[in-house]
Amino acid sequence: MGKPLIYEILEKPATSCIIGICSAIWFYIQKKNIGYQHVGLSYETAVQGHNWRIITSAFSHISVIHLVFNMSALWSLGVVEQLGHLGLGVAYYLQYTLVLVVLSGLLVLGMYHVLIQRFKIEYFRRVTAVGYSCVVFGWMTILSVKQPSSKLDLFGFVSLPISFAPFESLIFTSIIIPQASFLGHLSGILVGYAVAWGLIHGMTNYWAVSMLGWIALVFVFSLKRSGAYDFNFLEIESVTDPSLPSVRFIGNGRTLQSTVPLVGIELV
């Protein structure tokens, strides 16, 4: 018989807080009718100075199914908080969640840059990514290296061996859901391996707080630079760009399909 939910929440305080934050943001987005194009990350908006979207895109979800899928996987991965004997634990979880959010977002933008500038694939200039899957895939990868005997439970009835879960999930979502963000998921896996193999290491509470402070400064500066410092985007009523064809959303768990061929949304 499983533990009462309250005990599991107390054993996974950081995971529980993140799930609460993502759920609250999803509720706010739905209540205010905010479109993905106003919170998501794209190469074009990053070039225009909207660097703050690296943060907002990670914690934003457009459909409830997308939110539930990501949060279900994240809840299972919260076991990292209980593995202090392996050098993990709550502090490690918070420190490297910060690293995963920032570096996976920057890596996605770097990949977009190469595809646009080197291979002239203009589609990636305006494709917009939203979702927490970069971090989910990152933790999935770290756990697969640190404790390969673990299992990833989804929705309480699907269980995957954690050692194969990152690439199994990457291939599965790419085949079943063509518009799922392959690059977003891949960036999370790559950063996860860099952390697990010690290529990115040395995070302490001091460096985590310092990094958080710099992120806050860059966040505010980029808001001001991009003209969004008055937070008018939070009051937007329409989710449709009148200069573009309409967008049709289909709730299929991990992606939203767009009727616009050259402007897309990728849920990560």
Protein backbone atom coordinates (compact mmCIF):
# COMPACT_ATOMS: atom_id res chain seq x y z
CA MET A 1 0.00 0.00 0.00
CA GLY A 2 1.38 3.37 -1.00
CA LYS A 3 2.16 6.24 1.35
CA PRO A 4 -0.41 9.00 1.91
CA LEU A 5 0.07 11.83 -0.57
CA ILE A 6 0.99 14.33 2.15
CA TYR A 7 4.02 12.24 3.14
CA GLU A 8 5.17 11.98 -0.48
CA ILE A 9 4.85 15.76 -0.84
CA LEU A 10 6.98 16.25 2.28
CA GLU A 11 9.59 13.84 0.87
CA LYS A 12 9.69 15.77 -2.42
CA PRO A 13 9.36 19.43 -1.34
CA ALA A 14 11.20 20.98 -4.30
CA THR A 15 9.39 18.83 -6.87
CA SER A 16 6.05 19.62 -5.23
CA CYS A 17 6.78 23.37 -5.31
CA ILE A 18 7.76 23.28 -9.00
CA ILE A 19 4.61 21.32 -9.87
CA GLY A 20 2.59 23.91 -7.94
CA ILE A 21 4.31 26.79 -9.77
CA CYS A 22 3.78 25.26 -13.22
CA SER A 23 0.13 24.50 -12.40
CA ALA A 24 -0.47 28.06 -11.14
CA ILE A 25 1.14 29.52 -14.28
CA TRP A 26 -1.00 27.25 -16.48
CA PHE A 27 -4.12 28.43 -14.63
CA TYR A 28 -3.10 32.08 -15.06
CA ILE A 29 -2.41 31.59 -18.77
CA GLN A 30 -5.84 30.02 -19.24
CA LYS A 31 -7.62 32.66 -17.17
CA LYS A 32 -5.95 35.58 -18.98
CA ASN A 33 -6.20 33.87 -22.40
CA ILE A 34 -2.47 34.39 -23.02
CA GLY A 35 -1.14 32.89 -26.24
CA TYR A 36 1.95 30.69 -26.48
CA GLN A 37 3.59 33.32 -28.73
CA HIS A 38 3.73 35.70 -25.76
CA VAL A 39 5.55 33.40 -23.34
CA GLY A 40 7.29 30.83 -25.59
CA LEU A 41 10.91 30.76 -26.70
CA SER A 42 11.85 31.31 -30.33
CA TYR A 43 15.03 32.37 -32.13
CA GLU A 44 13.38 35.48 -33.54
CA THR A 45 12.17 36.78 -30.18
CA ALA A 46 15.53 35.99 -28.55
CA VAL A 47 17.33 38.06 -31.19
CA GLN A 48 14.88 40.89 -30.48
CA GLY A 49 15.99 40.88 -26.84
CA HIS A 50 13.23 38.77 -25.27
CA ASN A 51 15.77 36.65 -23.39
CA TRP A 52 13.43 36.45 -20.42
CA ARG A 53 11.46 33.87 -22.38
CA ILE A 54 14.10 31.24 -21.60
CA ILE A 55 12.53 31.24 -18.14
CA THR A 56 8.85 31.83 -18.96
CA SER A 57 8.82 29.21 -21.74
CA ALA A 58 10.14 26.50 -19.41
CA PHE A 59 7.39 26.97 -16.82
CA SER A 60 4.50 27.60 -19.25
CA HIS A 61 2.12 24.98 -20.63
CA ILE A 62 -0.71 25.60 -23.05
CA SER A 63 -2.86 22.47 -22.73
CA VAL A 64 -3.84 20.68 -19.53
CA ILE A 65 -2.81 17.32 -21.05
CA HIS A 66 0.66 18.68 -21.78
CA LEU A 67 0.89 19.96 -18.20
CA VAL A 68 -0.29 16.65 -16.70
CA PHE A 69 2.13 14.60 -18.80
CA ASN A 70 5.15 16.71 -17.83
CA MET A 71 4.22 16.99 -14.17
CA SER A 72 3.53 13.25 -13.91
CA ALA A 73 7.03 12.48 -15.22
CA LEU A 74 8.53 15.17 -12.98
CA TRP A 75 6.80 13.72 -9.91
CA SER A 76 8.35 10.32 -10.61
CA LEU A 77 11.79 11.92 -11.07
CA GLY A 78 11.43 13.69 -7.72
CA VAL A 79 13.05 10.60 -6.22
CA VAL A 80 16.32 12.50 -6.84
CA GLU A 81 15.50 14.53 -3.72
CA GLN A 82 15.60 11.35 -1.62
CA LEU A 83 19.01 10.14 -2.86
CA GLY A 84 21.28 12.12 -0.57
CA HIS A 85 23.40 9.00 -0.06
CA LEU A 86 24.34 9.18 -3.77
CA GLY A 87 25.40 12.81 -3.52
CA LEU A 88 22.04 14.06 -4.77
CA GLY A 89 19.26 15.33 -2.47
CA VAL A 90 17.11 18.48 -2.27
CA ALA A 91 19.95 21.03 -2.58
CA TYR A 92 21.45 19.19 -5.58
CA TYR A 93 18.00 19.00 -7.19
CA LEU A 94 17.38 22.75 -6.87
CA GLN A 95 20.89 23.72 -7.96
CA TYR A 96 20.90 21.65 -11.12
CA THR A 97 17.27 22.36 -11.97
CA LEU A 98 18.45 25.95 -12.34
CA VAL A 99 21.31 24.78 -14.57
CA LEU A 100 18.98 22.62 -16.70
CA VAL A 101 16.45 25.44 -17.23
CA VAL A 102 19.06 27.96 -18.38
CA LEU A 103 21.52 25.78 -20.31
CA SER A 104 18.89 23.71 -22.13
CA GLY A 105 17.20 26.93 -23.27
CA LEU A 106 20.51 28.38 -24.47
CA LEU A 107 21.39 25.12 -26.22
CA VAL A 108 18.07 25.12 -28.07
CA LEU A 109 18.75 28.65 -29.27
CA GLY A 110 22.26 27.59 -30.34
CA MET A 111 20.81 24.71 -32.37
CA TYR A 112 18.28 27.05 -33.97
CA HIS A 113 21.12 29.44 -34.85
CA VAL A 114 23.11 26.72 -36.63
CA LEU A 115 20.06 25.44 -38.52
CA ILE A 116 19.10 28.95 -39.63
CA GLN A 117 22.51 30.47 -40.39
CA ARG A 118 24.40 27.38 -41.61
CA PHE A 119 21.66 25.28 -43.20
CA LYS A 120 19.26 28.12 -44.11
CA ILE A 121 16.22 26.43 -42.56
CA GLU A 122 14.06 29.49 -41.91
CA TYR A 123 11.33 27.47 -40.20
CA PHE A 124 13.36 27.48 -36.98
CA ARG A 125 13.47 31.28 -36.90
CA ARG A 126 9.90 31.57 -35.68
CA VAL A 127 9.05 28.15 -34.26
CA THR A 128 8.08 28.65 -30.62
CA ALA A 129 8.76 26.20 -27.80
CA VAL A 130 6.97 26.01 -24.46
CA GLY A 131 7.03 23.43 -21.67
CA TYR A 132 9.10 21.87 -18.91
CA SER A 133 10.21 18.77 -20.85
CA CYS A 134 13.79 20.04 -21.30
CA VAL A 135 14.22 19.83 -17.53
CA VAL A 136 12.25 16.56 -17.30
CA PHE A 137 14.48 14.92 -19.91
CA GLY A 138 17.53 16.34 -18.17
CA TRP A 139 16.62 14.77 -14.82
CA MET A 140 15.64 11.56 -16.57
CA THR A 141 19.16 11.41 -18.02
CA ILE A 142 20.92 12.28 -14.74
CA LEU A 143 18.96 9.59 -12.88
CA SER A 144 19.70 7.03 -15.61
CA VAL A 145 23.43 7.56 -14.96
CA LYS A 146 23.34 7.96 -11.18
CA GLN A 147 20.87 5.15 -10.44
CA PRO A 148 20.26 3.00 -13.56
CA SER A 149 18.15 0.52 -11.58
CA SER A 150 15.39 3.11 -11.06
CA LYS A 151 12.13 3.13 -12.99
CA LEU A 152 10.16 6.04 -14.43
CA ASP A 153 6.45 5.84 -13.58
CA LEU A 154 3.97 7.74 -15.72
CA PHE A 155 0.37 8.30 -14.64
CA GLY A 156 0.77 5.54 -12.04
CA PHE A 157 0.49 2.62 -14.47
CA VAL A 158 3.27 2.95 -17.09
CA SER A 159 6.75 2.05 -15.87
CA LEU A 160 9.94 2.43 -17.95
CA PRO A 161 13.49 1.36 -17.04
CA ILE A 162 15.22 4.66 -16.33
CA SER A 163 18.45 3.54 -18.05
CA PHE A 164 16.67 3.57 -21.42
CA ALA A 165 13.99 6.17 -20.70
CA PRO A 166 15.67 9.31 -22.15
CA PHE A 167 16.19 8.01 -25.69
CA GLU A 168 13.14 5.74 -25.61
CA SER A 169 11.00 8.77 -24.80
CA LEU A 170 12.83 10.95 -27.35
CA ILE A 171 12.29 8.47 -30.20
CA PHE A 172 8.74 7.57 -29.15
CA THR A 173 7.49 11.17 -28.96
CA SER A 174 9.23 12.07 -32.25
CA ILE A 175 7.51 9.18 -34.08
CA ILE A 176 4.08 9.41 -32.50
CA ILE A 177 3.96 13.22 -32.29
CA PRO A 178 5.87 14.72 -35.23
CA GLN A 179 5.61 18.27 -33.85
CA ALA A 180 6.99 17.40 -30.43
CA SER A 181 10.18 19.36 -29.88
CA PHE A 182 12.97 16.93 -30.78
CA LEU A 183 15.59 19.64 -30.31
CA GLY A 184 14.14 20.75 -26.98
CA HIS A 185 14.12 17.21 -25.61
CA LEU A 186 17.57 16.51 -27.04
CA SER A 187 19.00 19.63 -25.40
CA GLY A 188 17.71 18.46 -22.02
CA ILE A 189 19.34 15.06 -22.55
CA LEU A 190 22.68 16.59 -23.56
CA VAL A 191 22.78 18.95 -20.58
CA GLY A 192 21.71 16.06 -18.34
CA TYR A 193 24.64 13.93 -19.50
CA ALA A 194 27.01 16.87 -19.03
CA VAL A 195 25.84 17.16 -15.41
CA ALA A 196 25.78 13.41 -14.71
CA TRP A 197 29.28 12.85 -16.16
CA GLY A 198 30.74 15.76 -14.19
CA LEU A 199 31.39 18.01 -17.20
CA ILE A 200 29.22 20.58 -15.44
CA HIS A 201 29.90 20.44 -11.73
CA GLY A 202 30.82 22.48 -8.67
CA MET A 203 27.38 23.97 -7.98
CA THR A 204 26.96 24.98 -4.35
CA ASN A 205 24.28 26.97 -2.55
CA TYR A 206 26.46 30.06 -2.94
CA TRP A 207 26.85 29.64 -6.70
CA ALA A 208 23.19 28.72 -7.10
CA VAL A 209 22.05 31.87 -5.29
CA SER A 210 24.56 33.95 -7.28
CA MET A 211 23.34 32.41 -10.53
CA LEU A 212 19.73 33.06 -9.53
CA GLY A 213 20.60 36.70 -8.83
CA TRP A 214 22.23 37.14 -12.24
CA ILE A 215 19.27 35.45 -13.92
CA ALA A 216 16.93 37.88 -12.15
CA LEU A 217 19.02 40.87 -13.32
CA VAL A 218 19.16 39.62 -16.92
CA PHE A 219 15.44 38.83 -16.76
CA VAL A 220 14.52 42.37 -15.70
CA PHE A 221 17.02 43.97 -18.10
CA SER A 222 15.72 41.97 -21.07
CA LEU A 223 12.13 42.80 -20.12
CA LYS A 224 13.01 46.49 -20.21
CA ARG A 225 15.08 46.20 -23.38
CA SER A 226 12.33 44.31 -25.22
CA GLY A 227 9.67 46.81 -24.16
CA ALA A 228 7.76 44.27 -22.07
CA TYR A 229 8.69 45.83 -18.70
CA ASP A 230 5.18 47.19 -18.26
CA PHE A 231 3.88 43.57 -18.35
CA ASN A 232 1.20 44.48 -20.87
CA PHE A 233 1.60 41.02 -22.38
CA LEU A 234 -0.10 39.60 -19.25
CA GLU A 235 -3.34 41.35 -20.17
CA ILE A 236 -3.59 40.14 -23.76
CA GLU A 237 -7.08 38.88 -24.58
CA SER A 238 -6.51 37.44 -28.04
CA VAL A 239 -4.22 34.46 -28.64
CA THR A 240 -4.19 34.92 -32.39
CA ASP A 241 -1.79 37.05 -34.42
CA PRO A 242 -4.07 38.84 -36.92
CA SER A 243 -1.24 39.06 -39.46
CA LEU A 244 -1.02 35.27 -39.67
CA PRO A 245 -3.42 32.48 -40.68
CA SER A 246 -5.42 30.97 -37.86
CA VAL A 247 -3.95 28.28 -35.66
CA ARG A 248 -5.86 25.11 -34.80
CA PHE A 249 -4.97 23.37 -31.55
CA ILE A 250 -5.46 19.65 -31.12
CA GLY A 251 -4.97 18.25 -27.63
CA ASN A 252 -2.95 15.09 -28.10
CA GLY A 253 -0.89 15.11 -24.93
CA ARG A 254 2.44 16.46 -26.04
CA THR A 255 1.94 18.84 -28.92
CA LEU A 256 -0.32 21.35 -30.59
CA GLN A 257 -0.75 21.09 -34.33
CA SER A 258 -0.69 24.27 -36.36
CA THR A 259 -2.39 24.88 -39.68
CA VAL A 260 0.34 27.44 -40.43
CA PRO A 261 3.11 25.69 -42.41
CA LEU A 262 5.99 28.06 -41.65
CA VAL A 263 5.16 29.19 -38.12
CA GLY A 264 5.01 26.44 -35.52
CA ILE A 265 4.79 25.67 -31.86
CA GLU A 266 6.81 22.94 -30.20
CA LEU A 267 5.79 21.70 -26.78
CA VAL A 268 8.72 20.54 -24.68
